[in-house]
């Protein structure tokens, strides 16, 4: 990053933001093109310089943040090192809920206005409200546009979107992709359908759109892939699939290549923190968006995970001057990775594992990630969709959508697959749904949900 580039937005020193005559998004994209190639140690140093500025503001204007810092024996100026940041206890979702209005800053810099509320879907059962500023929204747009550019997408193509933002059954059509792509580029048309629309209708709609790019939730994609495979059809123009919002299982990637001949580019984001990590176009690892967030992966003792370990994802938002999310535990788990072979200095994650509530809890005290989503149930019975709910230590509810009722023998064989994969002979209760298993808040669908306290 050239030393001569200086930010003109109050409170932001890295990456520098320009206002006035220069279009802010274009200027920021120019900076990000350079910062991604900085050595890792330079990125960390710049992150903490920015964190000091944010902490100084939050210490003055957020009661909750000021009390957190005081309890840890810290002052804003000490946030200049990774070691001191780790002295600040992690903040969890319930802490955000309990803090209420005291978490928010009573003032924000004029250049960051306006601040708007962002509400999580509450898929974890702990919904939270945060305020996001114009600057933090700009960073979100920039990281989304970076993902487009990394994947070398042709903006002139047709984009199809299936997500939860739209009315069920209503097709939406626009002449452009919308922001951020349309802010800087001429784009093709975009078309949208609600994720709660029936899969058969989604299939027909995609056939009519024949998109170049498809944005979809992983679980919904899996159902669509079944439809395409059964009918022996493809989407002739499809170049790539983008997945968001849910954990992407490896078997869905393989199915997408086999059935539609398309690769998947996955994005890891949250309503509270924006875009957290996107896939490297060279290696397939997930790069943390380090210019926007400090991303930590911690073990059960709160120590940083080594490459190959799975731990809790904790983020620090470097540019939200309305809601100081500093060392905020998202409730997600991820596996860390060594430095990426692409040469970017951005930290890397190997995979996003899911939430703790997506782990099975065994009677012997073990917790494990249930590798039961990729089992070939359809080789035993005509199963279209499945979900597993654990409410007791020794039993699991198996939810199924099937083209035909299962025989006792088919239930037994499927049960054997599940118990073998989970390494315990659970008592299984089979529950059947006619068309589709209901989705959770925000349109999210989780294959395995543990409801144990």
Protein backbone atom coordinates (compact mmCIF):
# COMPACT_ATOMS: atom_id res chain seq x y z
CA UNK A 1 0.00 0.00 0.00
CA UNK A 2 1.63 3.30 -1.05
CA UNK A 3 2.53 5.50 1.89
CA UNK A 4 1.15 8.54 0.04
CA UNK A 5 -2.44 7.23 0.16
CA UNK A 6 -4.17 8.82 3.13
CA UNK A 7 -7.72 8.24 4.27
CA UNK A 8 -10.13 11.17 4.16
CA UNK A 9 -12.83 9.46 6.27
CA UNK A 10 -12.66 10.14 10.00
CA UNK A 11 -11.87 7.09 12.12
CA UNK A 12 -10.55 4.96 9.25
CA UNK A 13 -6.81 4.77 8.65
CA UNK A 14 -6.64 1.24 7.12
CA UNK A 15 -7.47 0.54 4.44
CA UNK A 16 -7.70 4.23 3.49
CA UNK A 17 -11.12 5.43 2.35
CA UNK A 18 -11.54 8.39 0.02
CA UNK A 19 -14.55 10.69 -0.10
CA UNK A 20 -15.49 13.71 -2.10
CA UNK A 21 -14.71 13.50 -5.78
CA UNK A 22 -13.42 9.93 -5.81
CA UNK A 23 -16.11 7.22 -5.89
CA UNK A 24 -15.64 5.52 -2.51
CA UNK A 25 -16.21 1.96 -3.68
CA UNK A 26 -13.85 2.23 -6.66
CA UNK A 27 -11.17 3.82 -4.49
CA UNK A 28 -11.54 1.13 -1.84
CA UNK A 29 -11.32 -1.65 -4.44
CA UNK A 30 -8.04 -0.15 -5.63
CA UNK A 31 -6.68 -0.33 -2.08
CA UNK A 32 -7.87 -3.91 -1.57
CA UNK A 33 -6.15 -5.05 -4.74
CA UNK A 34 -2.87 -4.04 -3.08
CA UNK A 35 -3.48 -4.93 0.56
CA UNK A 36 -4.30 -8.58 -0.20
CA UNK A 37 -0.68 -9.13 -1.28
CA UNK A 38 0.90 -7.57 1.81
CA UNK A 39 2.97 -9.88 4.04
CA UNK A 40 0.90 -11.36 6.86
CA UNK A 41 2.80 -9.45 9.54
CA UNK A 42 2.12 -6.12 7.78
CA UNK A 43 -1.59 -6.94 7.63
CA UNK A 44 -1.66 -7.73 11.36
CA UNK A 45 0.14 -4.48 12.17
CA UNK A 46 -2.30 -2.43 10.07
CA UNK A 47 -5.29 -4.24 11.61
CA UNK A 48 -4.22 -3.25 15.09
CA UNK A 49 -3.51 0.35 14.11
CA UNK A 50 -7.10 0.53 12.90
CA UNK A 51 -8.35 -1.29 16.01
CA UNK A 52 -6.76 1.33 18.28
CA UNK A 53 -8.70 4.08 16.50
CA UNK A 54 -11.96 2.14 16.80
CA UNK A 55 -11.30 1.28 20.46
CA UNK A 56 -10.62 4.92 21.31
CA UNK A 57 -13.99 5.87 19.86
CA UNK A 58 -15.85 2.97 21.50
CA UNK A 59 -14.19 3.57 24.87
CA UNK A 60 -15.58 7.09 24.82
CA UNK A 61 -19.08 6.40 23.45
CA UNK A 62 -20.06 2.80 24.39
CA UNK A 63 -20.81 2.09 28.05
CA UNK A 64 -20.61 -1.67 27.56
CA UNK A 65 -17.28 -1.57 25.72
CA UNK A 66 -15.78 0.81 28.27
CA UNK A 67 -16.77 -1.55 31.11
CA UNK A 68 -15.34 -4.57 29.23
CA UNK A 69 -12.03 -2.81 28.78
CA UNK A 70 -11.91 -1.62 32.40
CA UNK A 71 -12.65 -5.12 33.72
CA UNK A 72 -9.79 -6.50 31.62
CA UNK A 73 -7.41 -3.79 32.79
CA UNK A 74 -6.98 -2.43 29.27
CA UNK A 75 -7.03 0.96 27.56
CA UNK A 76 -7.69 1.65 23.90
CA UNK A 77 -4.04 2.37 23.10
CA UNK A 78 -3.06 -1.14 24.21
CA UNK A 79 -5.08 -2.69 21.36
CA UNK A 80 -2.02 -2.20 19.16
CA UNK A 81 -0.86 -5.79 19.73
CA UNK A 82 -2.41 -9.20 19.21
CA UNK A 83 -1.38 -10.23 22.72
CA UNK A 84 -3.30 -7.40 24.39
CA UNK A 85 -6.38 -7.96 22.26
CA UNK A 86 -6.45 -11.55 23.53
CA UNK A 87 -6.57 -10.28 27.10
CA UNK A 88 -10.09 -9.02 26.41
CA UNK A 89 -12.61 -11.78 27.24
CA UNK A 90 -14.68 -13.07 24.34
CA UNK A 91 -18.16 -11.58 23.94
CA UNK A 92 -20.95 -14.04 23.18
CA UNK A 93 -24.38 -13.60 21.64
CA UNK A 94 -26.05 -13.57 25.04
CA UNK A 95 -23.71 -10.78 26.11
CA UNK A 96 -24.87 -8.73 23.14
CA UNK A 97 -28.48 -9.42 24.10
CA UNK A 98 -27.90 -8.51 27.74
CA UNK A 99 -26.00 -5.32 26.90
CA UNK A 100 -28.93 -3.90 24.95
CA UNK A 101 -28.59 -0.20 24.17
CA UNK A 102 -25.44 0.13 26.30
CA UNK A 103 -23.49 -1.74 23.61
CA UNK A 104 -24.17 0.88 20.95
CA UNK A 105 -22.08 4.03 20.63
CA UNK A 106 -24.00 7.17 21.51
CA UNK A 107 -22.21 9.03 18.72
CA UNK A 108 -20.65 8.06 15.40
CA UNK A 109 -18.40 10.17 13.15
CA UNK A 110 -20.38 12.20 10.63
CA UNK A 111 -18.71 10.44 7.69
CA UNK A 112 -20.00 7.08 9.02
CA UNK A 113 -23.68 8.09 9.13
CA UNK A 114 -26.31 6.85 8.86
CA UNK A 115 -26.43 3.84 11.16
CA UNK A 116 -29.12 1.23 10.55
CA UNK A 117 -30.19 -1.84 12.49
CA UNK A 118 -29.31 -5.36 11.34
CA UNK A 119 -31.11 -8.31 12.92
CA UNK A 120 -29.94 -11.89 12.83
CA UNK A 121 -32.36 -14.62 11.86
CA UNK A 122 -31.90 -16.27 15.22
CA UNK A 123 -31.04 -19.70 13.78
CA UNK A 124 -29.04 -20.37 16.93
CA UNK A 125 -32.03 -19.52 19.10
CA UNK A 126 -30.27 -16.34 20.27
CA UNK A 127 -31.26 -13.51 17.91
CA UNK A 128 -29.30 -10.28 18.24
CA UNK A 129 -29.55 -6.71 16.95
CA UNK A 130 -26.54 -4.68 15.85
CA UNK A 131 -26.23 -1.26 14.26
CA UNK A 132 -24.14 -0.95 11.11
CA UNK A 133 -22.80 2.29 9.63
CA UNK A 134 -22.39 3.52 6.07
CA UNK A 135 -18.69 2.67 6.29
CA UNK A 136 -19.26 -0.87 7.52
CA UNK A 137 -21.84 -1.35 4.74
CA UNK A 138 -19.29 -0.05 2.23
CA UNK A 139 -16.79 -2.62 3.48
CA UNK A 140 -19.44 -5.34 3.07
CA UNK A 141 -20.03 -4.24 -0.53
CA UNK A 142 -16.30 -4.14 -1.25
CA UNK A 143 -15.71 -7.66 0.03
CA UNK A 144 -18.66 -8.94 -2.00
CA UNK A 145 -17.27 -7.25 -5.11
CA UNK A 146 -13.81 -8.66 -4.35
CA UNK A 147 -15.34 -12.15 -4.39
CA UNK A 148 -16.87 -11.45 -7.82
CA UNK A 149 -13.53 -10.26 -9.15
CA UNK A 150 -11.55 -13.14 -7.63
CA UNK A 151 -13.88 -15.57 -9.37
CA UNK A 152 -13.52 -13.66 -12.67
CA UNK A 153 -17.25 -13.58 -13.28
CA UNK A 154 -18.62 -12.13 -16.46
CA UNK A 155 -20.96 -9.40 -15.22
CA UNK A 156 -22.80 -9.46 -18.55
CA UNK A 157 -24.26 -12.88 -17.71
CA UNK A 158 -27.68 -13.65 -16.25
CA UNK A 159 -27.83 -14.08 -12.48
CA UNK A 160 -30.44 -16.26 -10.74
CA UNK A 161 -30.93 -15.90 -6.99
CA UNK A 162 -32.86 -18.21 -4.66
CA UNK A 163 -32.90 -16.96 -1.08
CA UNK A 164 -35.19 -15.83 1.72
CA UNK A 165 -35.54 -12.14 0.87
CA UNK A 166 -38.48 -12.47 -1.49
CA UNK A 167 -42.18 -13.31 -1.33
CA UNK A 168 -42.95 -16.98 -1.80
CA UNK A 169 -44.10 -17.87 -5.29
CA UNK A 170 -43.33 -14.45 -6.78
CA UNK A 171 -40.61 -14.11 -9.39
CA UNK A 172 -38.62 -10.89 -9.30
CA UNK A 173 -36.75 -9.58 -12.33
CA UNK A 174 -34.31 -6.66 -12.61
CA UNK A 175 -32.30 -5.28 -15.54
CA UNK A 176 -29.02 -5.43 -13.55
CA UNK A 177 -27.36 -7.48 -10.82
CA UNK A 178 -27.79 -4.58 -8.42
CA UNK A 179 -25.11 -3.34 -6.01
CA UNK A 180 -22.27 -3.77 -5.59
CA UNK A 181 -21.58 -5.08 -9.12
CA UNK A 182 -23.82 -2.58 -10.90
CA UNK A 183 -22.23 0.35 -9.04
CA UNK A 184 -19.03 -0.01 -11.08
CA UNK A 185 -19.87 -2.35 -13.96
CA UNK A 186 -22.45 -2.86 -16.66
CA UNK A 187 -24.21 -6.10 -15.82
CA UNK A 188 -26.72 -8.49 -17.26
CA UNK A 189 -30.13 -9.11 -15.75
CA UNK A 190 -30.88 -10.72 -12.41
CA UNK A 191 -33.85 -12.88 -11.44
CA UNK A 192 -34.98 -13.99 -7.98
CA UNK A 193 -37.27 -16.51 -6.34
CA UNK A 194 -37.99 -17.21 -2.66
CA UNK A 195 -36.24 -20.22 -1.15
CA UNK A 196 -39.54 -21.33 0.44
CA UNK A 197 -41.03 -21.85 -3.01
CA UNK A 198 -41.42 -25.55 -3.82
CA UNK A 199 -38.35 -27.23 -5.30
CA UNK A 200 -40.33 -28.39 -8.35
CA UNK A 201 -41.28 -24.78 -9.07
CA UNK A 202 -37.68 -23.68 -8.54
CA UNK A 203 -36.53 -26.31 -11.04
CA UNK A 204 -38.99 -25.11 -13.69
CA UNK A 205 -38.06 -21.48 -13.03
CA UNK A 206 -34.33 -22.18 -13.45
CA UNK A 207 -35.02 -23.96 -16.71
CA UNK A 208 -36.80 -20.85 -17.99
CA UNK A 209 -34.08 -18.45 -16.79
CA UNK A 210 -31.11 -20.64 -17.88
CA UNK A 211 -28.69 -18.50 -15.85
CA UNK A 212 -24.96 -18.05 -16.17
CA UNK A 213 -24.63 -17.82 -12.39
CA UNK A 214 -26.78 -19.19 -9.57
CA UNK A 215 -26.79 -17.89 -5.98
CA UNK A 216 -28.40 -20.41 -3.60
CA UNK A 217 -28.28 -21.95 -0.12
CA UNK A 218 -26.39 -25.30 0.02
CA UNK A 219 -29.36 -27.31 1.32
CA UNK A 220 -31.62 -25.94 -1.38
CA UNK A 221 -28.98 -26.66 -4.01
CA UNK A 222 -28.85 -30.29 -2.86
CA UNK A 223 -32.60 -30.63 -3.44
CA UNK A 224 -32.32 -29.00 -6.87
CA UNK A 225 -29.45 -31.29 -7.85
CA UNK A 226 -31.69 -34.28 -7.10
CA UNK A 227 -34.30 -32.86 -9.46
CA UNK A 228 -31.80 -32.30 -12.26
CA UNK A 229 -30.24 -35.73 -11.81
CA UNK A 230 -33.57 -37.55 -11.83
CA UNK A 231 -34.67 -35.79 -15.01
CA UNK A 232 -31.30 -35.99 -16.72
CA UNK A 233 -31.28 -32.26 -17.45
CA UNK A 234 -28.73 -29.47 -17.07
CA UNK A 235 -28.55 -25.70 -17.26
CA UNK A 236 -26.67 -25.18 -20.54
CA UNK A 237 -25.42 -21.66 -19.75
CA UNK A 238 -24.46 -22.25 -16.11
CA UNK A 239 -20.84 -21.26 -15.41
CA UNK A 240 -20.70 -21.25 -11.61
CA UNK A 241 -22.80 -21.69 -8.47
CA UNK A 242 -22.42 -19.36 -5.48
CA UNK A 243 -23.45 -20.66 -2.05
CA UNK A 244 -24.11 -18.60 1.07
CA UNK A 245 -25.78 -18.70 4.48
CA UNK A 246 -25.24 -22.38 5.41
CA UNK A 247 -22.35 -24.80 5.82
CA UNK A 248 -21.39 -26.34 2.50
CA UNK A 249 -20.83 -30.11 2.62
CA UNK A 250 -18.16 -31.64 0.32
CA UNK A 251 -20.65 -34.05 -1.24
CA UNK A 252 -22.71 -31.12 -2.57
CA UNK A 253 -19.64 -29.80 -4.39
CA UNK A 254 -19.10 -33.19 -5.97
CA UNK A 255 -22.76 -33.49 -6.94
CA UNK A 256 -22.77 -30.04 -8.56
CA UNK A 257 -19.82 -30.98 -10.76
CA UNK A 258 -21.34 -34.34 -11.66
CA UNK A 259 -24.90 -33.24 -12.29
CA UNK A 260 -24.55 -29.69 -13.63
CA UNK A 261 -20.88 -29.55 -14.58
CA UNK A 262 -20.43 -26.44 -12.44
CA UNK A 263 -18.07 -25.59 -9.60
CA UNK A 264 -19.18 -23.92 -6.38
CA UNK A 265 -17.71 -20.75 -4.89
CA UNK A 266 -18.72 -20.49 -1.24
CA UNK A 267 -18.89 -17.36 0.94
CA UNK A 268 -18.85 -17.26 4.74
CA UNK A 269 -20.70 -14.28 6.19
CA UNK A 270 -22.93 -13.21 9.07
CA UNK A 271 -25.55 -10.52 9.60
CA UNK A 272 -23.47 -9.04 12.42
CA UNK A 273 -20.04 -8.92 10.78
CA UNK A 274 -20.66 -8.95 7.02
CA UNK A 275 -18.43 -10.96 4.70
CA UNK A 276 -16.02 -12.96 6.85
CA UNK A 277 -14.19 -15.22 4.38
CA UNK A 278 -14.39 -16.09 0.69
CA UNK A 279 -12.84 -18.88 -1.31
CA UNK A 280 -9.43 -18.41 -2.87
CA UNK A 281 -9.70 -18.73 -6.66
CA UNK A 282 -6.44 -20.70 -6.78
CA UNK A 283 -6.46 -23.04 -3.77
CA UNK A 284 -10.10 -23.24 -2.67
CA UNK A 285 -9.17 -22.28 0.90
CA UNK A 286 -11.24 -19.56 2.59
CA UNK A 287 -9.42 -16.24 2.94
CA UNK A 288 -10.45 -14.09 5.90
CA UNK A 289 -11.32 -10.54 4.88
CA UNK A 290 -8.56 -9.13 7.05
CA UNK A 291 -8.94 -5.51 5.94
CA UNK A 292 -12.40 -5.55 7.49
CA UNK A 293 -12.15 -8.06 10.34
CA UNK A 294 -9.73 -9.72 12.69
CA UNK A 295 -10.72 -13.41 12.58
CA UNK A 296 -9.57 -15.71 15.38
CA UNK A 297 -10.15 -19.47 15.64
CA UNK A 298 -9.94 -20.57 19.28
CA UNK A 299 -9.84 -23.95 21.01
CA UNK A 300 -11.87 -24.82 24.12
CA UNK A 301 -9.22 -23.20 26.33
CA UNK A 302 -9.42 -19.94 24.37
CA UNK A 303 -6.03 -20.42 22.71
CA UNK A 304 -5.42 -19.87 19.01
CA UNK A 305 -5.86 -23.06 17.00
CA UNK A 306 -2.96 -24.49 15.06
CA UNK A 307 -3.38 -25.32 11.35
CA UNK A 308 -5.65 -28.35 11.01
CA UNK A 309 -7.50 -27.75 14.29
CA UNK A 310 -11.20 -26.93 14.50
CA UNK A 311 -12.21 -24.15 16.85
CA UNK A 312 -14.68 -21.35 17.59
CA UNK A 313 -14.75 -18.37 15.22
CA UNK A 314 -14.28 -15.04 17.01
CA UNK A 315 -14.33 -11.79 15.02
CA UNK A 316 -13.44 -8.16 15.60
CA UNK A 317 -15.12 -5.67 13.26
CA UNK A 318 -12.56 -2.95 12.52
CA UNK A 319 -14.91 -0.36 11.03
CA UNK A 320 -18.22 -0.49 12.88
CA UNK A 321 -18.21 2.71 14.92
CA UNK A 322 -21.84 2.18 15.96
CA UNK A 323 -21.57 -1.30 17.52
CA UNK A 324 -18.13 -2.30 18.86
CA UNK A 325 -18.05 -6.01 18.05
CA UNK A 326 -14.61 -6.71 19.47
CA UNK A 327 -13.76 -10.40 20.05
CA UNK A 328 -17.31 -11.48 19.26
CA UNK A 329 -18.03 -15.23 19.26
CA UNK A 330 -20.23 -15.96 16.25
CA UNK A 331 -21.13 -19.45 17.47
CA UNK A 332 -19.51 -20.99 14.39
CA UNK A 333 -16.66 -23.46 14.11
CA UNK A 334 -13.95 -23.51 11.45
CA UNK A 335 -10.75 -25.38 10.64
CA UNK A 336 -7.58 -23.33 10.33
CA UNK A 337 -5.07 -23.70 7.49
CA UNK A 338 -1.46 -22.91 6.72
CA UNK A 339 -0.61 -19.89 4.60
CA UNK A 340 -2.25 -20.15 1.19
CA UNK A 341 -0.13 -21.12 -1.80
CA UNK A 342 -1.61 -18.21 -3.82
CA UNK A 343 0.75 -15.75 -2.11
CA UNK A 344 -1.89 -13.54 -0.53
CA UNK A 345 -1.11 -12.45 3.01
CA UNK A 346 -4.74 -12.84 4.09
CA UNK A 347 -5.26 -15.56 6.76
CA UNK A 348 -6.71 -18.84 5.51
CA UNK A 349 -9.32 -21.30 6.76
CA UNK A 350 -9.62 -24.81 5.38
CA UNK A 351 -13.34 -25.22 5.96
CA UNK A 352 -16.33 -23.82 7.83
CA UNK A 353 -17.53 -26.64 10.07
CA UNK A 354 -20.84 -25.21 11.32
CA UNK A 355 -22.32 -24.27 14.68
CA UNK A 356 -21.98 -26.08 17.97
CA UNK A 357 -25.66 -26.96 17.73
CA UNK A 358 -24.78 -28.92 14.57
CA UNK A 359 -22.62 -31.31 16.61
CA UNK A 360 -23.96 -34.63 17.88
CA UNK A 361 -23.58 -35.21 21.62
CA UNK A 362 -22.89 -38.83 22.50
CA UNK A 363 -23.88 -40.45 25.83
CA UNK A 364 -20.20 -41.08 26.67
CA UNK A 365 -19.58 -37.31 26.69
CA UNK A 366 -18.06 -36.99 23.24
CA UNK A 367 -19.14 -34.29 20.79
CA UNK A 368 -18.60 -34.91 17.10
CA UNK A 369 -19.44 -33.43 13.74
CA UNK A 370 -22.03 -35.85 12.35
CA UNK A 371 -20.80 -37.18 9.00
CA UNK A 372 -24.24 -38.41 8.04
CA UNK A 373 -25.25 -35.87 5.39
CA UNK A 374 -23.30 -37.55 2.63
CA UNK A 375 -24.58 -41.08 3.15
CA UNK A 376 -26.32 -42.62 0.13
CA UNK A 377 -29.78 -43.01 1.60
CA UNK A 378 -31.28 -42.94 -1.90
CA UNK A 379 -29.62 -46.29 -2.61
CA UNK A 380 -31.91 -47.81 0.02
CA UNK A 381 -35.11 -45.78 -0.43
CA UNK A 382 -36.40 -42.88 -2.62
CA UNK A 383 -35.50 -40.19 -0.06
CA UNK A 384 -35.68 -36.58 -1.27
CA UNK A 385 -34.74 -34.70 1.91
CA UNK A 386 -33.56 -35.49 5.42
CA UNK A 387 -32.87 -33.81 8.74
CA UNK A 388 -31.77 -35.03 12.18
CA UNK A 389 -32.88 -33.52 15.50
CA UNK A 390 -31.26 -34.60 18.77
CA UNK A 391 -33.34 -33.76 21.85
CA UNK A 392 -32.04 -36.50 24.17
CA UNK A 393 -28.62 -38.06 24.69
CA UNK A 394 -29.59 -41.47 23.38
CA UNK A 395 -32.22 -40.70 20.75
CA UNK A 396 -32.48 -38.83 17.45
CA UNK A 397 -35.48 -37.82 15.41
CA UNK A 398 -34.97 -38.66 11.73
CA UNK A 399 -37.04 -36.40 9.48
CA UNK A 400 -37.57 -37.58 5.92
CA UNK A 401 -39.28 -36.60 2.70
CA UNK A 402 -39.68 -39.70 0.55
CA UNK A 403 -41.37 -40.45 -2.75
CA UNK A 404 -42.83 -43.60 -1.23
CA UNK A 405 -43.36 -44.89 2.33
CA UNK A 406 -40.38 -46.75 3.75
CA UNK A 407 -40.67 -50.37 4.76
CA UNK A 408 -39.52 -51.55 8.17
CA UNK A 409 -36.46 -53.10 6.52
CA UNK A 410 -35.58 -49.83 4.77
CA UNK A 411 -35.88 -47.91 8.04
CA UNK A 412 -33.63 -50.47 9.72
CA UNK A 413 -30.97 -50.26 6.99
CA UNK A 414 -30.96 -46.46 7.03
CA UNK A 415 -30.83 -46.54 10.82
CA UNK A 416 -27.79 -48.81 10.66
CA UNK A 417 -26.02 -46.31 8.38
CA UNK A 418 -26.78 -43.43 10.76
CA UNK A 419 -25.69 -45.24 13.93
CA UNK A 420 -22.51 -46.53 12.32
CA UNK A 421 -21.59 -43.02 11.18
CA UNK A 422 -22.31 -41.61 14.66
CA UNK A 423 -20.48 -44.43 16.46
CA UNK A 424 -23.44 -45.11 18.79
CA UNK A 425 -26.65 -47.14 18.63
CA UNK A 426 -29.10 -44.26 18.99
CA UNK A 427 -32.80 -44.88 19.34
CA UNK A 428 -34.20 -43.47 16.09
CA UNK A 429 -37.67 -42.03 15.59
CA UNK A 430 -38.70 -41.62 11.93
CA UNK A 431 -40.97 -38.67 11.09
CA UNK A 432 -42.22 -38.10 7.55
CA UNK A 433 -43.08 -34.90 5.67
CA UNK A 434 -45.09 -34.79 2.45
CA UNK A 435 -43.30 -32.14 0.37
CA UNK A 436 -40.56 -30.37 2.29
CA UNK A 437 -39.08 -30.24 5.79
CA UNK A 438 -39.77 -26.75 7.21
CA UNK A 439 -36.89 -24.30 7.13
CA UNK A 440 -35.77 -22.34 10.14
CA UNK A 441 -35.76 -18.54 10.60
CA UNK A 442 -34.20 -16.64 7.72
CA UNK A 443 -34.76 -19.59 5.38
CA UNK A 444 -31.85 -21.52 6.87
CA UNK A 445 -31.84 -25.30 6.89
CA UNK A 446 -29.56 -27.39 9.08
CA UNK A 447 -29.15 -31.12 8.43
CA UNK A 448 -28.30 -31.86 12.06
CA UNK A 449 -29.61 -29.86 15.02
CA UNK A 450 -28.78 -30.66 18.64
CA UNK A 451 -31.33 -29.15 21.03
CA UNK A 452 -29.73 -30.45 24.24
CA UNK A 453 -29.02 -27.74 26.81
